[in-house]
Protein backbone atom coordinates (compact mmCIF):
# COMPACT_ATOMS: atom_id res chain seq x y z
CA UNK A 1 0.00 0.00 0.00
CA UNK A 2 2.78 2.43 0.91
CA UNK A 3 4.57 1.69 -2.39
CA UNK A 4 1.40 2.59 -4.28
CA UNK A 5 1.09 5.95 -2.53
CA UNK A 6 4.79 6.81 -2.87
CA UNK A 7 4.74 5.64 -6.50
CA UNK A 8 1.81 7.92 -7.26
CA UNK A 9 3.64 10.84 -5.61
CA UNK A 10 6.74 10.08 -7.71
CA UNK A 11 4.58 9.97 -10.84
CA UNK A 12 3.02 13.32 -9.99
CA UNK A 13 6.41 14.92 -9.35
CA UNK A 14 7.76 13.40 -12.57
CA UNK A 15 4.88 14.77 -14.64
CA UNK A 16 5.24 18.24 -13.11
CA UNK A 17 9.02 18.27 -13.66
CA UNK A 18 8.58 16.94 -17.21
CA UNK A 19 5.94 19.48 -18.26
CA UNK A 20 7.34 22.46 -16.32
CA UNK A 21 11.12 21.99 -16.02
CA UNK A 22 13.10 24.55 -14.07
CA UNK A 23 14.83 26.84 -16.56
CA UNK A 24 17.31 28.62 -14.30
CA UNK A 25 19.37 27.47 -11.35
CA UNK A 26 17.41 28.14 -8.17
CA UNK A 27 17.06 26.79 -4.65
CA UNK A 28 13.27 26.28 -4.61
CA UNK A 29 12.13 24.24 -7.63
CA UNK A 30 13.81 21.41 -9.50
CA UNK A 31 16.33 18.65 -8.88
CA UNK A 32 19.29 20.13 -7.03
CA UNK A 33 22.66 18.49 -6.55
CA UNK A 34 26.17 19.85 -6.18
CA UNK A 35 27.08 19.09 -9.78
CA UNK A 36 23.76 20.31 -11.21
CA UNK A 37 24.27 23.72 -9.61
CA UNK A 38 27.70 24.20 -11.21
CA UNK A 39 26.51 25.65 -14.51
CA UNK A 40 23.46 25.96 -16.74
CA UNK A 41 24.27 22.99 -19.00
CA UNK A 42 24.49 20.58 -16.06
CA UNK A 43 21.33 22.09 -14.57
CA UNK A 44 19.21 21.53 -17.68
CA UNK A 45 20.55 18.00 -18.12
CA UNK A 46 19.78 17.14 -14.49
CA UNK A 47 16.22 18.46 -14.84
CA UNK A 48 15.61 16.39 -17.98
CA UNK A 49 17.03 13.17 -16.55
CA UNK A 50 15.49 13.52 -13.08
CA UNK A 51 11.98 13.94 -14.47
CA UNK A 52 12.38 10.74 -16.48
CA UNK A 53 13.69 8.85 -13.45
CA UNK A 54 10.79 10.09 -11.31
CA UNK A 55 8.36 8.83 -13.97
CA UNK A 56 10.16 5.49 -14.31
CA UNK A 57 10.44 4.73 -10.60
CA UNK A 58 6.93 6.00 -9.93
CA UNK A 59 5.56 3.62 -12.55
CA UNK A 60 7.61 0.72 -11.18
CA UNK A 61 6.45 1.35 -7.63
CA UNK A 62 2.77 1.47 -8.58
CA UNK A 63 2.91 -1.90 -10.35
């Protein structure tokens, strides 16, 4: 039951990050890591990949 709820939350976060990715480096919205905050290229790549991973793991957890 808990995997279903967490999986649905991951799916929701993944959809939001996929549709509305963070464009600029900030400390409020988006996937933040030390390397992602280094420059804009790393930031955009991290946002693209993290949204896909949220969708993937959310789908796997709801199965």
